[in-house]
Amino acid sequence: MEIVSAESIPIVVGREEDGRGWADIESMPGVMAYGATRDSAIAAVRALAFRIAADCIDHGEEVPAPSYEEGIRK
């Protein structure tokens, strides 16, 4: 069995022209979030990924498995 923490899921981050941050988990289609800062965008996208996983479990569906790579890309 392998235990992986949420911190090890690769998250792509960036900044919009208006200064908002965005974060995307590319290996989980549709899992993207915005925030006032980079950190708030990362927190929002992690929360979204967990909500999607919980919804899948509640409905007896397979949880999308993100690929695990080292670090966060900018």
C-alpha atoms as a PDB file:
ATOM      1  CA  MET A   1       0.000   0.000   0.000  1.00  0.00           C
ATOM      2  CA  GLU A   2       1.217   3.503  -0.811  1.00  0.00           C
ATOM      3  CA  ILE A   3       0.133   6.539   1.179  1.00  0.00           C
ATOM      4  CA  VAL A   4       0.389   9.832  -0.651  1.00  0.00           C
ATOM      5  CA  SER A   5      -0.296  13.229   0.875  1.00  0.00           C
ATOM      6  CA  ALA A   6      -2.164  15.975  -0.963  1.00  0.00           C
ATOM      7  CA  GLU A   7       1.035  17.984  -1.046  1.00  0.00           C
ATOM      8  CA  SER A   8       2.579  15.526  -3.499  1.00  0.00           C
ATOM      9  CA  ILE A   9      -0.084  16.021  -6.195  1.00  0.00           C
ATOM     10  CA  PRO A  10       1.441  18.220  -8.921  1.00  0.00           C
ATOM     11  CA  ILE A  11      -0.303  21.572  -9.231  1.00  0.00           C
ATOM     12  CA  VAL A  12       0.367  24.023 -12.049  1.00  0.00           C
ATOM     13  CA  VAL A  13       0.060  27.637 -10.896  1.00  0.00           C
ATOM     14  CA  GLY A  14       0.004  30.983 -12.638  1.00  0.00           C
ATOM     15  CA  ARG A  15      -1.192  34.571 -12.459  1.00  0.00           C
ATOM     16  CA  GLU A  16      -3.823  36.372 -14.524  1.00  0.00           C
ATOM     17  CA  GLU A  17      -3.222  39.905 -15.842  1.00  0.00           C
ATOM     18  CA  ASP A  18      -5.525  41.278 -13.142  1.00  0.00           C
ATOM     19  CA  GLY A  19      -3.287  39.761 -10.448  1.00  0.00           C
ATOM     20  CA  ARG A  20      -5.464  36.801  -9.467  1.00  0.00           C
ATOM     21  CA  GLY A  21      -3.701  33.501  -9.001  1.00  0.00           C
ATOM     22  CA  TRP A  22      -4.858  30.276 -10.598  1.00  0.00           C
ATOM     23  CA  ALA A  23      -4.076  26.635  -9.880  1.00  0.00           C
ATOM     24  CA  ASP A  24      -4.741  23.563 -11.995  1.00  0.00           C
ATOM     25  CA  ILE A  25      -4.353  19.840 -11.384  1.00  0.00           C
ATOM     26  CA  GLU A  26      -3.707  18.814 -14.983  1.00  0.00           C
ATOM     27  CA  SER A  27      -4.067  15.096 -14.326  1.00  0.00           C
ATOM     28  CA  MET A  28      -7.636  15.655 -13.037  1.00  0.00           C
ATOM     29  CA  PRO A  29      -9.563  17.312 -15.908  1.00  0.00           C
ATOM     30  CA  GLY A  30     -11.687  20.245 -14.818  1.00  0.00           C
ATOM     31  CA  VAL A  31      -9.934  20.701 -11.472  1.00  0.00           C
ATOM     32  CA  MET A  32      -8.902  24.357 -11.625  1.00  0.00           C
ATOM     33  CA  ALA A  33      -9.453  27.238  -9.222  1.00  0.00           C
ATOM     34  CA  TYR A  34      -8.721  30.933  -8.845  1.00  0.00           C
ATOM     35  CA  GLY A  35      -7.744  32.894  -5.763  1.00  0.00           C
ATOM     36  CA  ALA A  36      -6.699  36.381  -4.751  1.00  0.00           C
ATOM     37  CA  THR A  37      -3.195  34.996  -4.193  1.00  0.00           C
ATOM     38  CA  ARG A  38      -1.141  32.031  -5.368  1.00  0.00           C
ATOM     39  CA  ASP A  39      -1.585  30.311  -1.999  1.00  0.00           C
ATOM     40  CA  SER A  40      -5.349  30.833  -1.945  1.00  0.00           C
ATOM     41  CA  ALA A  41      -5.631  29.393  -5.470  1.00  0.00           C
ATOM     42  CA  ILE A  42      -3.626  26.324  -4.396  1.00  0.00           C
ATOM     43  CA  ALA A  43      -5.821  25.869  -1.317  1.00  0.00           C
ATOM     44  CA  ALA A  44      -8.959  26.210  -3.453  1.00  0.00           C
ATOM     45  CA  VAL A  45      -7.842  23.665  -6.062  1.00  0.00           C
ATOM     46  CA  ARG A  46      -6.879  21.153  -3.366  1.00  0.00           C
ATOM     47  CA  ALA A  47     -10.281  21.589  -1.711  1.00  0.00           C
ATOM     48  CA  LEU A  48     -11.988  21.106  -5.082  1.00  0.00           C
ATOM     49  CA  ALA A  49     -10.052  17.887  -5.718  1.00  0.00           C
ATOM     50  CA  PHE A  50     -11.124  16.528  -2.323  1.00  0.00           C
ATOM     51  CA  ARG A  51     -14.783  17.498  -2.959  1.00  0.00           C
ATOM     52  CA  ILE A  52     -14.720  15.699  -6.310  1.00  0.00           C
ATOM     53  CA  ALA A  53     -13.209  12.609  -4.675  1.00  0.00           C
ATOM     54  CA  ALA A  54     -15.833  12.674  -1.897  1.00  0.00           C
ATOM     55  CA  ASP A  55     -18.653  13.053  -4.435  1.00  0.00           C
ATOM     56  CA  CYS A  56     -17.344  10.083  -6.421  1.00  0.00           C
ATOM     57  CA  ILE A  57     -17.198   7.958  -3.260  1.00  0.00           C
ATOM     58  CA  ASP A  58     -20.730   9.014  -2.273  1.00  0.00           C
ATOM     59  CA  HIS A  59     -22.041   7.917  -5.676  1.00  0.00           C
ATOM     60  CA  GLY A  60     -20.064   4.669  -5.845  1.00  0.00           C
ATOM     61  CA  GLU A  61     -17.928   5.943  -8.720  1.00  0.00           C
ATOM     62  CA  GLU A  62     -14.204   5.523  -9.213  1.00  0.00           C
ATOM     63  CA  VAL A  63     -12.155   8.411  -7.834  1.00  0.00           C
ATOM     64  CA  PRO A  64     -10.008  10.065 -10.530  1.00  0.00           C
ATOM     65  CA  ALA A  65      -6.399   9.208  -9.777  1.00  0.00           C
ATOM     66  CA  PRO A  66      -4.000  12.118 -10.233  1.00  0.00           C
ATOM     67  CA  SER A  67      -0.455  11.355 -11.309  1.00  0.00           C
ATOM     68  CA  TYR A  68       2.105  11.977  -8.608  1.00  0.00           C
ATOM     69  CA  GLU A  69       5.251  13.906  -9.401  1.00  0.00           C
ATOM     70  CA  GLU A  70       7.588  15.913  -7.254  1.00  0.00           C
ATOM     71  CA  GLY A  71       6.837  19.538  -6.467  1.00  0.00           C
ATOM     72  CA  ILE A  72       4.688  22.344  -7.700  1.00  0.00           C
ATOM     73  CA  ARG A  73       5.363  23.856 -11.109  1.00  0.00           C
ATOM     74  CA  LYS A  74       5.156  27.579 -11.760  1.00  0.00           C
END
